[in-house]
Amino acid sequence: MTIIVRKKPGESDDQLVSAFRRKAFSEDVVSEAKERQYYEKPSARRHRRQEELARGRRK
C-alpha cells in the first residue's frame, strides 16, 4: 500500500505531486482510507455491501 514516486531529473515539484496523486487514485488509496476511517463491525459491513449490490441490481 506504500506509494513511492521518485523525482526525475528536470521534473518540477508540481509534476511530482501530480504523479503522486495519479498513482494514489489509480491504486484506490483514497477510497480505502475513507472506508477504514471508522471501525465497522463485520456484520454491518456485510449488510452494507448487500444493500449496495441490491441497489446496483435495481438500476
Protein backbone atom coordinates (compact mmCIF):
# COMPACT_ATOMS: atom_id res chain seq x y z
CA MET A 1 0.00 0.00 0.00
CA THR A 2 3.03 2.24 0.09
CA ILE A 3 3.23 4.64 -2.83
CA ILE A 4 6.69 5.58 -3.99
CA VAL A 5 7.23 8.33 -6.55
CA ARG A 6 10.79 9.34 -7.35
CA LYS A 7 11.69 12.73 -8.76
CA LYS A 8 13.24 12.51 -12.21
CA PRO A 9 15.93 14.94 -13.36
CA GLY A 10 14.32 18.11 -14.68
CA GLU A 11 10.92 17.30 -13.15
CA SER A 12 9.25 20.10 -11.21
CA ASP A 13 7.71 19.68 -7.78
CA ASP A 14 4.25 20.22 -9.26
CA GLN A 15 4.78 17.36 -11.70
CA LEU A 16 5.95 15.15 -8.84
CA VAL A 17 2.83 15.92 -6.79
CA SER A 18 0.68 15.31 -9.86
CA ALA A 19 2.32 11.91 -10.41
CA PHE A 20 1.72 11.01 -6.76
CA ARG A 21 -1.97 11.97 -6.97
CA ARG A 22 -2.44 9.93 -10.18
CA LYS A 23 -0.81 6.90 -8.58
CA ALA A 24 -2.81 7.26 -5.35
CA PHE A 25 -6.12 7.42 -7.23
CA SER A 26 -5.20 4.54 -9.55
CA GLU A 27 -4.36 2.33 -6.56
CA ASP A 28 -7.62 3.39 -4.86
CA VAL A 29 -5.84 4.57 -1.72
CA VAL A 30 -8.19 7.48 -1.04
CA SER A 31 -11.40 5.45 -1.02
CA GLU A 32 -9.80 2.74 1.11
CA ALA A 33 -8.69 5.34 3.64
CA LYS A 34 -12.23 6.71 3.78
CA GLU A 35 -13.58 3.18 4.30
CA ARG A 36 -11.15 2.50 7.13
CA GLN A 37 -11.61 5.88 8.79
CA TYR A 38 -14.08 4.40 11.29
CA TYR A 39 -14.40 0.84 12.53
CA GLU A 40 -17.31 -1.05 11.04
CA LYS A 41 -18.43 -4.33 12.51
CA PRO A 42 -18.13 -7.24 10.06
CA SER A 43 -21.89 -7.87 10.17
CA ALA A 44 -22.57 -4.20 9.37
CA ARG A 45 -20.05 -4.34 6.53
CA ARG A 46 -21.78 -7.40 5.05
CA HIS A 47 -25.16 -5.71 5.39
CA ARG A 48 -23.92 -2.52 3.68
CA ARG A 49 -22.36 -4.42 0.79
CA GLN A 50 -25.53 -6.47 0.27
CA GLU A 51 -27.53 -3.23 0.10
CA GLU A 52 -25.07 -1.78 -2.42
CA LEU A 53 -25.39 -4.88 -4.60
CA ALA A 54 -29.18 -4.78 -4.41
CA ARG A 55 -29.17 -1.08 -5.32
CA GLY A 56 -26.95 -1.87 -8.31
CA ARG A 57 -29.27 -4.64 -9.48
CA ARG A 58 -32.31 -2.35 -9.36
CA LYS A 59 -30.78 0.23 -11.68
